[in-house]
């Protein structure tokens, strides 16, 4: 009887253990079905997301590198620090619902190389390849040897707009035209005075035009020979006309310059107040002097072809706090 009691006890213990093992296994299987083993990724202490493993992280990172290289094959893509991984278990739906691409993209650093064509220290064109920059720099050196033209390499974190071929061709032509020496017959220049006179240039047009209170067109002709191209290109507009055609003050103001300047030739600058000024270049004759108060529509000079220009016109600029802006909106409809 005693032996039977021991066997019963052992049998009970055995079945209890088996039952517990089966229950534990069922719990483990249930948990594994609900939760997946993953790794948490951190960069510089910033949580990026959950990945199935480190290879999954590398796959996402390589996709983002390819994304950047599709914009510029020469871009340098990198992370400021190595990722840190921690093992964990999460629900499968959490793994699917997260956007690790967005989180990791925010941590990726880029470095682009651009090439600026600088003329006398001022950037005129920007290219993404050195070959294009060298081509235009060499063309400028051949056409205008007196200018200091060089290609400057620059590292930037974002690739901004570069100069198109059409735009580069226009800038090249403008620089060459502005620096091509021309003879200006029938014009007497006295660089020691603020104004100069000539007996051979007759006035074409009235000596003044009616003021509007909102600015007037600078000449009687309304033909634009060359449009505004921005600060790195043509900083004003060229208004055509015969030598001697009247040039009118856009608005009332004070003459701050009236004389000779390289490139502009004979030109006038007028301060209109509130940070606004205008400039009138390539004149054949100046009719005002520095410090003179002038009124809107007053004749201040005559069209010529002094300075660097290929034909008679007035180069008209509008500047706000010294920075050139497109003059056309200021005279359109006048």
C-alpha atoms as a PDB file:
ATOM      1  CA  UNK A   1       0.000   0.000   0.000  1.00  0.00           C
ATOM      2  CA  UNK A   2       2.794   2.316   0.849  1.00  0.00           C
ATOM      3  CA  UNK A   3       4.440   1.697  -2.552  1.00  0.00           C
ATOM      4  CA  UNK A   4       1.180   2.505  -4.354  1.00  0.00           C
ATOM      5  CA  UNK A   5       0.955   5.802  -2.476  1.00  0.00           C
ATOM      6  CA  UNK A   6       4.460   6.792  -3.554  1.00  0.00           C
ATOM      7  CA  UNK A   7       3.699   5.956  -7.176  1.00  0.00           C
ATOM      8  CA  UNK A   8       0.540   8.011  -7.061  1.00  0.00           C
ATOM      9  CA  UNK A   9       2.444  10.946  -5.648  1.00  0.00           C
ATOM     10  CA  UNK A  10       5.144  10.677  -8.320  1.00  0.00           C
ATOM     11  CA  UNK A  11       2.506  10.368 -11.009  1.00  0.00           C
ATOM     12  CA  UNK A  12       0.778  13.506  -9.737  1.00  0.00           C
ATOM     13  CA  UNK A  13       4.049  15.455  -9.665  1.00  0.00           C
ATOM     14  CA  UNK A  14       4.919  14.321 -13.185  1.00  0.00           C
ATOM     15  CA  UNK A  15       1.590  15.349 -14.660  1.00  0.00           C
ATOM     16  CA  UNK A  16       1.708  18.641 -12.790  1.00  0.00           C
ATOM     17  CA  UNK A  17       5.128  19.432 -14.226  1.00  0.00           C
ATOM     18  CA  UNK A  18       4.010  18.442 -17.742  1.00  0.00           C
ATOM     19  CA  UNK A  19       0.935  20.633 -17.401  1.00  0.00           C
ATOM     20  CA  UNK A  20       2.989  23.596 -16.241  1.00  0.00           C
ATOM     21  CA  UNK A  21       5.438  23.109 -19.116  1.00  0.00           C
ATOM     22  CA  UNK A  22       2.569  23.024 -21.598  1.00  0.00           C
ATOM     23  CA  UNK A  23       1.005  26.144 -20.087  1.00  0.00           C
ATOM     24  CA  UNK A  24       4.351  27.986 -20.129  1.00  0.00           C
ATOM     25  CA  UNK A  25       4.970  26.941 -23.742  1.00  0.00           C
ATOM     26  CA  UNK A  26       1.521  28.160 -24.721  1.00  0.00           C
ATOM     27  CA  UNK A  27       2.201  31.512 -23.056  1.00  0.00           C
ATOM     28  CA  UNK A  28       5.585  31.813 -24.776  1.00  0.00           C
ATOM     29  CA  UNK A  29       4.085  30.959 -28.172  1.00  0.00           C
ATOM     30  CA  UNK A  30       1.299  33.488 -27.639  1.00  0.00           C
ATOM     31  CA  UNK A  31       3.762  36.202 -26.647  1.00  0.00           C
ATOM     32  CA  UNK A  32       6.032  35.456 -29.588  1.00  0.00           C
ATOM     33  CA  UNK A  33       3.057  35.625 -31.927  1.00  0.00           C
ATOM     34  CA  UNK A  34       2.069  39.040 -30.541  1.00  0.00           C
ATOM     35  CA  UNK A  35       5.545  40.534 -30.052  1.00  0.00           C
ATOM     36  CA  UNK A  36       8.538  40.545 -32.389  1.00  0.00           C
ATOM     37  CA  UNK A  37      12.199  40.734 -31.451  1.00  0.00           C
ATOM     38  CA  UNK A  38      13.576  44.068 -32.711  1.00  0.00           C
ATOM     39  CA  UNK A  39      16.290  46.629 -32.058  1.00  0.00           C
ATOM     40  CA  UNK A  40      15.814  50.247 -31.060  1.00  0.00           C
ATOM     41  CA  UNK A  41      18.151  52.648 -32.900  1.00  0.00           C
ATOM     42  CA  UNK A  42      19.503  55.922 -31.488  1.00  0.00           C
ATOM     43  CA  UNK A  43      21.724  58.575 -33.107  1.00  0.00           C
ATOM     44  CA  UNK A  44      23.209  61.293 -30.896  1.00  0.00           C
ATOM     45  CA  UNK A  45      20.712  60.231 -28.242  1.00  0.00           C
ATOM     46  CA  UNK A  46      17.761  60.770 -30.612  1.00  0.00           C
ATOM     47  CA  UNK A  47      15.381  57.835 -30.990  1.00  0.00           C
ATOM     48  CA  UNK A  48      15.104  56.868 -34.682  1.00  0.00           C
ATOM     49  CA  UNK A  49      12.768  53.871 -34.552  1.00  0.00           C
ATOM     50  CA  UNK A  50      12.460  50.103 -34.347  1.00  0.00           C
ATOM     51  CA  UNK A  51      14.230  47.846 -36.839  1.00  0.00           C
ATOM     52  CA  UNK A  52      14.024  44.090 -37.298  1.00  0.00           C
ATOM     53  CA  UNK A  53      17.804  43.992 -37.006  1.00  0.00           C
ATOM     54  CA  UNK A  54      20.891  46.093 -37.728  1.00  0.00           C
ATOM     55  CA  UNK A  55      20.850  44.978 -41.371  1.00  0.00           C
ATOM     56  CA  UNK A  56      17.375  46.505 -41.681  1.00  0.00           C
ATOM     57  CA  UNK A  57      18.798  49.815 -40.439  1.00  0.00           C
ATOM     58  CA  UNK A  58      21.603  49.641 -43.026  1.00  0.00           C
ATOM     59  CA  UNK A  59      19.061  48.965 -45.782  1.00  0.00           C
ATOM     60  CA  UNK A  60      17.021  52.070 -44.905  1.00  0.00           C
ATOM     61  CA  UNK A  61      20.167  54.193 -44.651  1.00  0.00           C
ATOM     62  CA  UNK A  62      21.407  52.994 -48.076  1.00  0.00           C
ATOM     63  CA  UNK A  63      18.023  53.856 -49.611  1.00  0.00           C
ATOM     64  CA  UNK A  64      18.331  57.420 -48.305  1.00  0.00           C
ATOM     65  CA  UNK A  65      21.921  57.710 -49.585  1.00  0.00           C
ATOM     66  CA  UNK A  66      20.708  56.672 -53.057  1.00  0.00           C
ATOM     67  CA  UNK A  67      17.930  59.266 -52.790  1.00  0.00           C
ATOM     68  CA  UNK A  68      20.496  62.038 -52.204  1.00  0.00           C
ATOM     69  CA  UNK A  69      22.847  60.752 -54.918  1.00  0.00           C
ATOM     70  CA  UNK A  70      20.050  60.878 -57.467  1.00  0.00           C
ATOM     71  CA  UNK A  71      20.110  64.658 -56.961  1.00  0.00           C
ATOM     72  CA  UNK A  72      23.908  64.909 -57.171  1.00  0.00           C
ATOM     73  CA  UNK A  73      26.113  61.823 -57.714  1.00  0.00           C
ATOM     74  CA  UNK A  74      29.029  63.598 -56.031  1.00  0.00           C
ATOM     75  CA  UNK A  75      27.227  64.411 -52.790  1.00  0.00           C
ATOM     76  CA  UNK A  76      28.846  63.303 -49.542  1.00  0.00           C
ATOM     77  CA  UNK A  77      26.267  61.625 -47.276  1.00  0.00           C
ATOM     78  CA  UNK A  78      27.089  60.782 -43.660  1.00  0.00           C
ATOM     79  CA  UNK A  79      25.884  60.497 -40.061  1.00  0.00           C
ATOM     80  CA  UNK A  80      27.534  62.657 -37.405  1.00  0.00           C
ATOM     81  CA  UNK A  81      27.821  59.634 -35.092  1.00  0.00           C
ATOM     82  CA  UNK A  82      27.412  55.865 -35.247  1.00  0.00           C
ATOM     83  CA  UNK A  83      23.967  54.457 -34.409  1.00  0.00           C
ATOM     84  CA  UNK A  84      23.412  52.745 -31.052  1.00  0.00           C
ATOM     85  CA  UNK A  85      21.153  49.670 -30.918  1.00  0.00           C
ATOM     86  CA  UNK A  86      19.165  48.135 -28.037  1.00  0.00           C
ATOM     87  CA  UNK A  87      17.367  44.776 -28.233  1.00  0.00           C
ATOM     88  CA  UNK A  88      13.673  44.699 -27.368  1.00  0.00           C
ATOM     89  CA  UNK A  89      10.274  43.132 -28.168  1.00  0.00           C
ATOM     90  CA  UNK A  90       7.385  45.133 -29.622  1.00  0.00           C
ATOM     91  CA  UNK A  91       4.015  44.463 -31.152  1.00  0.00           C
ATOM     92  CA  UNK A  92       4.236  43.761 -34.870  1.00  0.00           C
ATOM     93  CA  UNK A  93       1.765  46.525 -35.758  1.00  0.00           C
ATOM     94  CA  UNK A  94       4.032  49.101 -34.083  1.00  0.00           C
ATOM     95  CA  UNK A  95       6.884  47.969 -36.311  1.00  0.00           C
ATOM     96  CA  UNK A  96       4.728  48.462 -39.398  1.00  0.00           C
ATOM     97  CA  UNK A  97       3.123  51.764 -38.430  1.00  0.00           C
ATOM     98  CA  UNK A  98       6.318  53.745 -37.744  1.00  0.00           C
ATOM     99  CA  UNK A  99       8.113  55.857 -40.399  1.00  0.00           C
ATOM    100  CA  UNK A 100      11.811  55.218 -39.906  1.00  0.00           C
ATOM    101  CA  UNK A 101      12.650  56.840 -43.259  1.00  0.00           C
ATOM    102  CA  UNK A 102      11.466  60.234 -42.064  1.00  0.00           C
ATOM    103  CA  UNK A 103      13.222  59.929 -38.697  1.00  0.00           C
ATOM    104  CA  UNK A 104      16.513  58.782 -40.193  1.00  0.00           C
ATOM    105  CA  UNK A 105      16.386  61.335 -43.028  1.00  0.00           C
ATOM    106  CA  UNK A 106      16.386  64.118 -40.416  1.00  0.00           C
ATOM    107  CA  UNK A 107      19.687  62.817 -39.017  1.00  0.00           C
ATOM    108  CA  UNK A 108      21.485  62.472 -42.352  1.00  0.00           C
ATOM    109  CA  UNK A 109      24.040  65.160 -43.206  1.00  0.00           C
ATOM    110  CA  UNK A 110      24.952  66.121 -46.769  1.00  0.00           C
ATOM    111  CA  UNK A 111      27.854  68.014 -48.268  1.00  0.00           C
ATOM    112  CA  UNK A 112      27.707  69.275 -51.846  1.00  0.00           C
ATOM    113  CA  UNK A 113      30.579  70.797 -53.805  1.00  0.00           C
ATOM    114  CA  UNK A 114      29.746  73.774 -56.000  1.00  0.00           C
ATOM    115  CA  UNK A 115      32.009  75.854 -58.218  1.00  0.00           C
ATOM    116  CA  UNK A 116      31.623  79.633 -58.367  1.00  0.00           C
ATOM    117  CA  UNK A 117      32.962  81.713 -61.237  1.00  0.00           C
ATOM    118  CA  UNK A 118      34.119  84.952 -59.607  1.00  0.00           C
ATOM    119  CA  UNK A 119      34.989  88.107 -61.542  1.00  0.00           C
ATOM    120  CA  UNK A 120      37.069  90.617 -59.574  1.00  0.00           C
ATOM    121  CA  UNK A 121      36.030  88.821 -56.385  1.00  0.00           C
ATOM    122  CA  UNK A 122      32.283  88.858 -57.132  1.00  0.00           C
ATOM    123  CA  UNK A 123      30.454  85.586 -57.892  1.00  0.00           C
ATOM    124  CA  UNK A 124      28.797  85.740 -61.291  1.00  0.00           C
ATOM    125  CA  UNK A 125      27.900  82.085 -61.967  1.00  0.00           C
ATOM    126  CA  UNK A 126      27.541  78.890 -59.930  1.00  0.00           C
ATOM    127  CA  UNK A 127      27.869  75.354 -61.316  1.00  0.00           C
ATOM    128  CA  UNK A 128      27.648  71.850 -59.880  1.00  0.00           C
ATOM    129  CA  UNK A 129      30.583  70.607 -61.996  1.00  0.00           C
ATOM    130  CA  UNK A 130      34.091  71.985 -62.234  1.00  0.00           C
ATOM    131  CA  UNK A 131      34.274  71.440 -66.004  1.00  0.00           C
ATOM    132  CA  UNK A 132      31.398  73.864 -66.656  1.00  0.00           C
ATOM    133  CA  UNK A 133      32.862  76.461 -64.312  1.00  0.00           C
ATOM    134  CA  UNK A 134      36.305  76.177 -65.930  1.00  0.00           C
ATOM    135  CA  UNK A 135      34.812  76.552 -69.411  1.00  0.00           C
ATOM    136  CA  UNK A 136      33.125  79.880 -68.663  1.00  0.00           C
ATOM    137  CA  UNK A 137      36.086  81.143 -66.635  1.00  0.00           C
ATOM    138  CA  UNK A 138      38.433  80.453 -69.551  1.00  0.00           C
ATOM    139  CA  UNK A 139      36.050  82.146 -71.995  1.00  0.00           C
ATOM    140  CA  UNK A 140      35.977  85.251 -69.812  1.00  0.00           C
ATOM    141  CA  UNK A 141      39.764  85.303 -69.508  1.00  0.00           C
ATOM    142  CA  UNK A 142      40.136  85.121 -73.281  1.00  0.00           C
ATOM    143  CA  UNK A 143      37.473  87.761 -73.978  1.00  0.00           C
ATOM    144  CA  UNK A 144      38.360  90.231 -71.200  1.00  0.00           C
ATOM    145  CA  UNK A 145      41.891  89.601 -69.986  1.00  0.00           C
ATOM    146  CA  UNK A 146      41.976  92.626 -67.695  1.00  0.00           C
ATOM    147  CA  UNK A 147      39.415  91.075 -65.329  1.00  0.00           C
ATOM    148  CA  UNK A 148      40.514  88.786 -62.508  1.00  0.00           C
ATOM    149  CA  UNK A 149      38.471  85.653 -63.249  1.00  0.00           C
ATOM    150  CA  UNK A 150      38.790  82.535 -61.111  1.00  0.00           C
ATOM    151  CA  UNK A 151      36.899  79.396 -60.095  1.00  0.00           C
ATOM    152  CA  UNK A 152      36.258  79.015 -56.364  1.00  0.00           C
ATOM    153  CA  UNK A 153      35.264  75.669 -54.874  1.00  0.00           C
ATOM    154  CA  UNK A 154      32.713  75.818 -52.058  1.00  0.00           C
ATOM    155  CA  UNK A 155      31.234  73.178 -49.731  1.00  0.00           C
ATOM    156  CA  UNK A 156      27.536  73.595 -48.881  1.00  0.00           C
ATOM    157  CA  UNK A 157      25.083  71.485 -46.882  1.00  0.00           C
ATOM    158  CA  UNK A 158      22.216  72.105 -49.323  1.00  0.00           C
ATOM    159  CA  UNK A 159      22.363  72.234 -53.107  1.00  0.00           C
ATOM    160  CA  UNK A 160      20.767  75.513 -54.131  1.00  0.00           C
ATOM    161  CA  UNK A 161      19.882  76.680 -57.631  1.00  0.00           C
ATOM    162  CA  UNK A 162      22.825  76.698 -60.020  1.00  0.00           C
ATOM    163  CA  UNK A 163      23.318  78.773 -63.157  1.00  0.00           C
ATOM    164  CA  UNK A 164      21.707  77.346 -66.284  1.00  0.00           C
ATOM    165  CA  UNK A 165      23.621  77.283 -69.564  1.00  0.00           C
ATOM    166  CA  UNK A 166      21.269  79.877 -71.092  1.00  0.00           C
ATOM    167  CA  UNK A 167      21.725  82.183 -68.099  1.00  0.00           C
ATOM    168  CA  UNK A 168      25.503  81.674 -68.094  1.00  0.00           C
ATOM    169  CA  UNK A 169      25.689  82.564 -71.790  1.00  0.00           C
ATOM    170  CA  UNK A 170      23.711  85.769 -71.139  1.00  0.00           C
ATOM    171  CA  UNK A 171      25.952  86.746 -68.195  1.00  0.00           C
ATOM    172  CA  UNK A 172      29.075  86.039 -70.247  1.00  0.00           C
ATOM    173  CA  UNK A 173      27.836  88.228 -73.098  1.00  0.00           C
ATOM    174  CA  UNK A 174      26.887  91.050 -70.740  1.00  0.00           C
ATOM    175  CA  UNK A 175      30.294  91.050 -69.014  1.00  0.00           C
ATOM    176  CA  UNK A 176      32.094  91.018 -72.355  1.00  0.00           C
ATOM    177  CA  UNK A 177      29.898  93.815 -73.732  1.00  0.00           C
ATOM    178  CA  UNK A 178      30.401  95.939 -70.625  1.00  0.00           C
ATOM    179  CA  UNK A 179      34.156  95.591 -70.749  1.00  0.00           C
ATOM    180  CA  UNK A 180      34.654  96.031 -74.474  1.00  0.00           C
ATOM    181  CA  UNK A 181      36.392  99.371 -75.078  1.00  0.00           C
ATOM    182  CA  UNK A 182      34.598 101.643 -77.521  1.00  0.00           C
ATOM    183  CA  UNK A 183      35.292 105.076 -78.890  1.00  0.00           C
ATOM    184  CA  UNK A 184      32.809 107.786 -78.060  1.00  0.00           C
ATOM    185  CA  UNK A 185      33.117 110.504 -80.714  1.00  0.00           C
ATOM    186  CA  UNK A 186      31.562 113.932 -80.306  1.00  0.00           C
ATOM    187  CA  UNK A 187      31.767 113.757 -76.504  1.00  0.00           C
ATOM    188  CA  UNK A 188      34.105 115.894 -74.416  1.00  0.00           C
ATOM    189  CA  UNK A 189      34.819 114.454 -70.976  1.00  0.00           C
ATOM    190  CA  UNK A 190      36.219 116.570 -68.168  1.00  0.00           C
ATOM    191  CA  UNK A 191      36.943 114.220 -65.264  1.00  0.00           C
ATOM    192  CA  UNK A 192      37.819 117.106 -62.961  1.00  0.00           C
ATOM    193  CA  UNK A 193      34.269 118.473 -62.943  1.00  0.00           C
ATOM    194  CA  UNK A 194      30.961 117.029 -61.918  1.00  0.00           C
ATOM    195  CA  UNK A 195      29.364 118.005 -65.248  1.00  0.00           C
ATOM    196  CA  UNK A 196      30.618 118.400 -68.778  1.00  0.00           C
ATOM    197  CA  UNK A 197      29.287 120.033 -71.899  1.00  0.00           C
ATOM    198  CA  UNK A 198      29.469 119.474 -75.598  1.00  0.00           C
ATOM    199  CA  UNK A 199      28.454 121.637 -78.500  1.00  0.00           C
ATOM    200  CA  UNK A 200      27.977 118.720 -80.888  1.00  0.00           C
ATOM    201  CA  UNK A 201      25.180 116.807 -79.096  1.00  0.00           C
ATOM    202  CA  UNK A 202      21.730 118.262 -79.647  1.00  0.00           C
ATOM    203  CA  UNK A 203      18.896 117.600 -77.256  1.00  0.00           C
ATOM    204  CA  UNK A 204      16.258 115.151 -78.500  1.00  0.00           C
ATOM    205  CA  UNK A 205      13.012 115.446 -76.553  1.00  0.00           C
ATOM    206  CA  UNK A 206      11.525 118.004 -74.188  1.00  0.00           C
ATOM    207  CA  UNK A 207      13.598 119.504 -71.403  1.00  0.00           C
ATOM    208  CA  UNK A 208      11.088 118.110 -68.901  1.00  0.00           C
ATOM    209  CA  UNK A 209       8.051 115.841 -68.754  1.00  0.00           C
ATOM    210  CA  UNK A 210       4.920 116.102 -66.644  1.00  0.00           C
ATOM    211  CA  UNK A 211       5.322 114.690 -63.139  1.00  0.00           C
ATOM    212  CA  UNK A 212       2.854 112.036 -61.954  1.00  0.00           C
ATOM    213  CA  UNK A 213       3.804 111.856 -58.307  1.00  0.00           C
ATOM    214  CA  UNK A 214       4.595 108.167 -58.701  1.00  0.00           C
ATOM    215  CA  UNK A 215       7.649 108.351 -60.956  1.00  0.00           C
ATOM    216  CA  UNK A 216       8.170 108.879 -64.702  1.00  0.00           C
ATOM    217  CA  UNK A 217       9.737 106.898 -67.550  1.00  0.00           C
ATOM    218  CA  UNK A 218      13.423 107.951 -67.787  1.00  0.00           C
ATOM    219  CA  UNK A 219      13.379 108.576 -71.570  1.00  0.00           C
ATOM    220  CA  UNK A 220      10.990 109.447 -74.386  1.00  0.00           C
ATOM    221  CA  UNK A 221      11.741 106.061 -75.964  1.00  0.00           C
ATOM    222  CA  UNK A 222      10.241 102.945 -74.402  1.00  0.00           C
ATOM    223  CA  UNK A 223      12.384 100.322 -76.046  1.00  0.00           C
ATOM    224  CA  UNK A 224      14.189  97.970 -73.640  1.00  0.00           C
ATOM    225  CA  UNK A 225      17.415  96.731 -75.234  1.00  0.00           C
ATOM    226  CA  UNK A 226      18.526  94.570 -72.305  1.00  0.00           C
ATOM    227  CA  UNK A 227      16.396  93.417 -69.381  1.00  0.00           C
ATOM    228  CA  UNK A 228      17.282  93.117 -65.696  1.00  0.00           C
ATOM    229  CA  UNK A 229      19.194  89.894 -64.900  1.00  0.00           C
ATOM    230  CA  UNK A 230      19.712  90.072 -61.156  1.00  0.00           C
ATOM    231  CA  UNK A 231      22.559  91.073 -58.906  1.00  0.00           C
ATOM    232  CA  UNK A 232      25.040  88.580 -60.433  1.00  0.00           C
ATOM    233  CA  UNK A 233      24.261  89.716 -63.986  1.00  0.00           C
ATOM    234  CA  UNK A 234      22.762  92.872 -65.508  1.00  0.00           C
ATOM    235  CA  UNK A 235      21.744  95.053 -62.562  1.00  0.00           C
ATOM    236  CA  UNK A 236      19.441  97.411 -64.469  1.00  0.00           C
ATOM    237  CA  UNK A 237      17.610  97.795 -67.768  1.00  0.00           C
ATOM    238  CA  UNK A 238      18.959  99.379 -70.956  1.00  0.00           C
ATOM    239  CA  UNK A 239      16.613 101.857 -72.634  1.00  0.00           C
ATOM    240  CA  UNK A 240      17.488 102.558 -76.255  1.00  0.00           C
ATOM    241  CA  UNK A 241      17.687 105.966 -77.865  1.00  0.00           C
ATOM    242  CA  UNK A 242      19.797 108.216 -80.078  1.00  0.00           C
ATOM    243  CA  UNK A 243      22.746 110.185 -78.731  1.00  0.00           C
ATOM    244  CA  UNK A 244      21.392 113.400 -77.255  1.00  0.00           C
ATOM    245  CA  UNK A 245      17.986 111.972 -76.246  1.00  0.00           C
ATOM    246  CA  UNK A 246      16.773 113.533 -72.986  1.00  0.00           C
ATOM    247  CA  UNK A 247      17.058 111.552 -69.743  1.00  0.00           C
ATOM    248  CA  UNK A 248      14.547 112.459 -67.040  1.00  0.00           C
ATOM    249  CA  UNK A 249      14.699 112.059 -63.249  1.00  0.00           C
ATOM    250  CA  UNK A 250      12.447 109.194 -62.185  1.00  0.00           C
ATOM    251  CA  UNK A 251      11.444 111.032 -59.020  1.00  0.00           C
ATOM    252  CA  UNK A 252      12.280 114.122 -57.007  1.00  0.00           C
ATOM    253  CA  UNK A 253      15.519 113.815 -55.075  1.00  0.00           C
ATOM    254  CA  UNK A 254      19.110 114.905 -54.479  1.00  0.00           C
ATOM    255  CA  UNK A 255      22.020 114.256 -56.852  1.00  0.00           C
ATOM    256  CA  UNK A 256      24.672 112.229 -55.001  1.00  0.00           C
ATOM    257  CA  UNK A 257      27.005 111.638 -57.957  1.00  0.00           C
ATOM    258  CA  UNK A 258      27.463 113.233 -61.370  1.00  0.00           C
ATOM    259  CA  UNK A 259      30.619 112.347 -63.225  1.00  0.00           C
ATOM    260  CA  UNK A 260      32.760 109.635 -64.737  1.00  0.00           C
ATOM    261  CA  UNK A 261      33.041 106.020 -63.569  1.00  0.00           C
ATOM    262  CA  UNK A 262      34.673 102.962 -65.109  1.00  0.00           C
ATOM    263  CA  UNK A 263      32.111 100.842 -66.919  1.00  0.00           C
ATOM    264  CA  UNK A 264      29.240 103.296 -66.402  1.00  0.00           C
ATOM    265  CA  UNK A 265      30.998 106.178 -68.175  1.00  0.00           C
ATOM    266  CA  UNK A 266      29.270 109.478 -67.502  1.00  0.00           C
ATOM    267  CA  UNK A 267      26.472 108.772 -65.042  1.00  0.00           C
ATOM    268  CA  UNK A 268      24.191 110.304 -62.438  1.00  0.00           C
ATOM    269  CA  UNK A 269      22.996 108.943 -59.097  1.00  0.00           C
ATOM    270  CA  UNK A 270      19.932 110.382 -57.371  1.00  0.00           C
ATOM    271  CA  UNK A 271      18.824 109.755 -53.781  1.00  0.00           C
ATOM    272  CA  UNK A 272      15.012 109.778 -53.452  1.00  0.00           C
ATOM    273  CA  UNK A 273      14.880 109.140 -49.715  1.00  0.00           C
ATOM    274  CA  UNK A 274      13.603 106.153 -47.710  1.00  0.00           C
ATOM    275  CA  UNK A 275      16.520 104.028 -48.961  1.00  0.00           C
ATOM    276  CA  UNK A 276      15.618 104.403 -52.655  1.00  0.00           C
ATOM    277  CA  UNK A 277      18.029 105.685 -55.304  1.00  0.00           C
ATOM    278  CA  UNK A 278      18.312 105.591 -59.102  1.00  0.00           C
ATOM    279  CA  UNK A 279      21.250 105.551 -61.509  1.00  0.00           C
ATOM    280  CA  UNK A 280      21.488 106.725 -65.143  1.00  0.00           C
ATOM    281  CA  UNK A 281      24.616 105.575 -67.032  1.00  0.00           C
ATOM    282  CA  UNK A 282      26.469 105.889 -70.390  1.00  0.00           C
ATOM    283  CA  UNK A 283      25.426 109.548 -70.817  1.00  0.00           C
ATOM    284  CA  UNK A 284      26.860 111.900 -73.447  1.00  0.00           C
ATOM    285  CA  UNK A 285      26.254 114.963 -71.297  1.00  0.00           C
ATOM    286  CA  UNK A 286      25.354 115.641 -67.664  1.00  0.00           C
ATOM    287  CA  UNK A 287      23.111 118.582 -66.777  1.00  0.00           C
ATOM    288  CA  UNK A 288      23.174 118.408 -62.972  1.00  0.00           C
ATOM    289  CA  UNK A 289      25.790 118.493 -60.223  1.00  0.00           C
ATOM    290  CA  UNK A 290      26.312 116.803 -56.853  1.00  0.00           C
ATOM    291  CA  UNK A 291      24.081 118.200 -54.090  1.00  0.00           C
ATOM    292  CA  UNK A 292      21.571 119.665 -56.534  1.00  0.00           C
ATOM    293  CA  UNK A 293      17.889 119.229 -55.717  1.00  0.00           C
ATOM    294  CA  UNK A 294      15.994 117.984 -58.768  1.00  0.00           C
ATOM    295  CA  UNK A 295      12.312 117.393 -59.451  1.00  0.00           C
ATOM    296  CA  UNK A 296      10.475 114.459 -60.971  1.00  0.00           C
ATOM    297  CA  UNK A 297      10.511 114.638 -64.781  1.00  0.00           C
ATOM    298  CA  UNK A 298      13.388 117.155 -64.904  1.00  0.00           C
ATOM    299  CA  UNK A 299      15.941 116.584 -67.668  1.00  0.00           C
ATOM    300  CA  UNK A 300      19.194 115.619 -65.950  1.00  0.00           C
ATOM    301  CA  UNK A 301      21.360 114.200 -68.767  1.00  0.00           C
ATOM    302  CA  UNK A 302      21.474 113.065 -72.384  1.00  0.00           C
ATOM    303  CA  UNK A 303      21.766 109.557 -73.782  1.00  0.00           C
ATOM    304  CA  UNK A 304      25.246 108.618 -75.010  1.00  0.00           C
ATOM    305  CA  UNK A 305      27.584 105.653 -75.251  1.00  0.00           C
ATOM    306  CA  UNK A 306      30.324 106.442 -72.764  1.00  0.00           C
ATOM    307  CA  UNK A 307      31.892 103.723 -70.654  1.00  0.00           C
ATOM    308  CA  UNK A 308      31.585 100.101 -71.668  1.00  0.00           C
ATOM    309  CA  UNK A 309      28.725  99.856 -74.132  1.00  0.00           C
ATOM    310  CA  UNK A 310      28.165  98.719 -77.716  1.00  0.00           C
ATOM    311  CA  UNK A 311      25.584 101.350 -78.629  1.00  0.00           C
ATOM    312  CA  UNK A 312      23.764 104.471 -77.426  1.00  0.00           C
ATOM    313  CA  UNK A 313      21.327 103.884 -74.545  1.00  0.00           C
ATOM    314  CA  UNK A 314      20.747 104.769 -70.914  1.00  0.00           C
ATOM    315  CA  UNK A 315      21.417 102.077 -68.333  1.00  0.00           C
ATOM    316  CA  UNK A 316      18.765 102.679 -65.641  1.00  0.00           C
ATOM    317  CA  UNK A 317      18.974 101.168 -62.139  1.00  0.00           C
ATOM    318  CA  UNK A 318      16.744 101.256 -59.068  1.00  0.00           C
ATOM    319  CA  UNK A 319      18.428 100.478 -55.748  1.00  0.00           C
ATOM    320  CA  UNK A 320      16.839  99.856 -52.358  1.00  0.00           C
ATOM    321  CA  UNK A 321      19.283 100.415 -49.505  1.00  0.00           C
ATOM    322  CA  UNK A 322      22.090 100.073 -52.040  1.00  0.00           C
ATOM    323  CA  UNK A 323      20.910  96.732 -53.468  1.00  0.00           C
ATOM    324  CA  UNK A 324      19.859  96.658 -57.166  1.00  0.00           C
ATOM    325  CA  UNK A 325      16.285  95.510 -57.842  1.00  0.00           C
ATOM    326  CA  UNK A 326      14.350  95.060 -61.074  1.00  0.00           C
ATOM    327  CA  UNK A 327      13.550  98.620 -62.258  1.00  0.00           C
ATOM    328  CA  UNK A 328      10.795  97.627 -64.677  1.00  0.00           C
ATOM    329  CA  UNK A 329       7.940  97.308 -62.128  1.00  0.00           C
ATOM    330  CA  UNK A 330       8.739 100.851 -60.977  1.00  0.00           C
ATOM    331  CA  UNK A 331       8.265 102.390 -64.450  1.00  0.00           C
ATOM    332  CA  UNK A 332       5.744  99.989 -66.002  1.00  0.00           C
ATOM    333  CA  UNK A 333       2.551 101.829 -66.788  1.00  0.00           C
ATOM    334  CA  UNK A 334       4.116 105.275 -66.375  1.00  0.00           C
END
